[in-house]
Amino acid sequence: MSKRNVYFVLAILGLVLPYGVFLPWVLEHGLDVSLFFSELLANDVAKTTALDFMMATIAVIAFIIFESKKLGMKTMAISILATLVAVGFGLALFLCLRERHLENEHHKHTNA
């Protein structure tokens, strides 16, 4: 299996797995933002996880911006939006799109 396909599978899992947990919560509680944050910050372990998640999100977005600009990729906005939906989804999707971009660049240079 190619790296691009591995990243694509990881992107799908990065979307399905978190939302497989979150959507039942939403169906039970609705979009109760105050309850969401209350549960998200319920104890020190939850706060640690939330802060780690926020920092990972910022780091992934920075990586997407820098790498997209360096490589001249035109899919930066899609990857950033995907990251805001789910970090695992956005990072894996970006890596999949990056592999596709690198493959296309390689084919341009070898067929020129």
Protein backbone atom coordinates (compact mmCIF):
# COMPACT_ATOMS: atom_id res chain seq x y z
CA MET A 1 0.00 0.00 0.00
CA SER A 2 1.38 3.42 -0.93
CA LYS A 3 2.01 6.15 1.64
CA ARG A 4 -0.76 8.20 0.05
CA ASN A 5 -3.26 5.38 0.56
CA VAL A 6 -2.14 4.84 4.16
CA TYR A 7 -2.66 8.55 4.86
CA PHE A 8 -6.07 8.43 3.18
CA VAL A 9 -7.19 5.51 5.37
CA LEU A 10 -5.86 7.34 8.44
CA ALA A 11 -7.80 10.46 7.39
CA ILE A 12 -11.03 8.49 7.20
CA LEU A 13 -10.34 6.93 10.61
CA GLY A 14 -9.39 10.36 11.97
CA LEU A 15 -12.85 11.58 11.02
CA VAL A 16 -14.98 8.53 11.81
CA LEU A 17 -13.51 7.52 15.18
CA PRO A 18 -13.82 10.84 17.04
CA TYR A 19 -17.24 11.61 15.58
CA GLY A 20 -18.37 8.08 16.36
CA VAL A 21 -18.02 9.11 20.00
CA PHE A 22 -19.07 12.75 19.69
CA LEU A 23 -22.24 12.36 17.61
CA PRO A 24 -24.01 10.08 20.15
CA TRP A 25 -23.18 12.70 22.81
CA VAL A 26 -24.73 15.41 20.63
CA LEU A 27 -27.81 13.25 20.02
CA GLU A 28 -28.21 12.78 23.78
CA HIS A 29 -27.44 16.35 24.91
CA GLY A 30 -27.95 18.48 21.82
CA LEU A 31 -25.55 21.32 21.07
CA ASP A 32 -25.31 22.34 24.71
CA VAL A 33 -22.10 24.37 24.57
CA SER A 34 -21.94 25.04 28.31
CA LEU A 35 -22.31 21.31 29.09
CA PHE A 36 -19.69 20.49 26.44
CA PHE A 37 -17.12 22.80 28.04
CA SER A 38 -18.13 21.74 31.52
CA GLU A 39 -17.39 18.12 30.63
CA LEU A 40 -14.34 19.01 28.57
CA LEU A 41 -12.78 20.81 31.54
CA ALA A 42 -14.25 18.59 34.28
CA ASN A 43 -10.93 17.64 35.91
CA ASP A 44 -7.19 18.03 35.53
CA VAL A 45 -6.86 15.00 33.24
CA ALA A 46 -9.55 16.37 30.93
CA LYS A 47 -7.95 19.83 31.00
CA THR A 48 -4.55 18.34 30.14
CA THR A 49 -6.06 16.48 27.19
CA ALA A 50 -7.94 19.57 25.99
CA LEU A 51 -4.81 21.76 26.17
CA ASP A 52 -2.73 19.11 24.42
CA PHE A 53 -5.38 18.87 21.70
CA MET A 54 -5.43 22.67 21.25
CA MET A 55 -1.64 22.85 21.01
CA ALA A 56 -1.57 19.95 18.55
CA THR A 57 -4.19 21.72 16.43
CA ILE A 58 -2.11 24.91 16.33
CA ALA A 59 1.07 22.95 15.50
CA VAL A 60 -0.65 21.00 12.70
CA ILE A 61 -2.08 24.18 11.18
CA ALA A 62 1.36 25.86 11.32
CA PHE A 63 2.91 22.79 9.65
CA ILE A 64 0.24 22.82 6.94
CA ILE A 65 0.82 26.51 6.23
CA PHE A 66 4.63 26.30 6.12
CA GLU A 67 4.79 23.04 4.14
CA SER A 68 2.07 24.11 1.68
CA LYS A 69 3.87 27.36 0.94
CA LYS A 70 7.26 25.64 0.63
CA LEU A 71 5.91 23.07 -1.83
CA GLY A 72 3.54 25.39 -3.68
CA MET A 73 0.49 23.30 -2.79
CA LYS A 74 -2.93 24.73 -3.58
CA THR A 75 -4.87 22.63 -1.04
CA MET A 76 -3.85 24.48 2.12
CA ALA A 77 -7.34 25.81 2.92
CA ILE A 78 -8.92 22.34 2.58
CA SER A 79 -6.36 20.88 4.96
CA ILE A 80 -6.80 23.65 7.52
CA LEU A 81 -10.59 23.29 7.44
CA ALA A 82 -10.26 19.51 7.82
CA THR A 83 -7.97 20.06 10.82
CA LEU A 84 -10.60 22.27 12.45
CA VAL A 85 -13.12 19.44 11.96
CA ALA A 86 -10.81 16.83 13.53
CA VAL A 87 -7.04 17.07 14.02
CA GLY A 88 -6.36 13.46 13.03
CA PHE A 89 -8.49 13.92 9.92
CA GLY A 90 -6.80 17.17 8.91
CA LEU A 91 -3.23 16.04 9.43
CA ALA A 92 -3.70 12.72 7.65
CA LEU A 93 -5.60 14.41 4.79
CA PHE A 94 -2.82 16.98 4.43
CA LEU A 95 -0.19 14.23 4.32
CA CYS A 96 -2.25 12.39 1.68
CA LEU A 97 -2.56 15.56 -0.41
CA ARG A 98 1.15 16.28 0.10
CA GLU A 99 2.07 12.82 -1.20
CA ARG A 100 -0.16 13.37 -4.23
CA HIS A 101 1.50 16.74 -4.85
CA LEU A 102 5.00 15.24 -4.55
CA GLU A 103 4.06 12.38 -6.90
CA ASN A 104 2.72 14.87 -9.47
CA GLU A 105 5.87 17.00 -9.20
CA HIS A 106 8.03 13.92 -9.63
CA HIS A 107 6.10 12.89 -12.75
CA LYS A 108 6.42 16.42 -14.20
CA HIS A 109 10.20 16.34 -13.79
CA THR A 110 10.69 12.79 -15.07
CA ASN A 111 8.42 13.29 -18.10
CA ALA A 112 9.82 16.70 -19.07
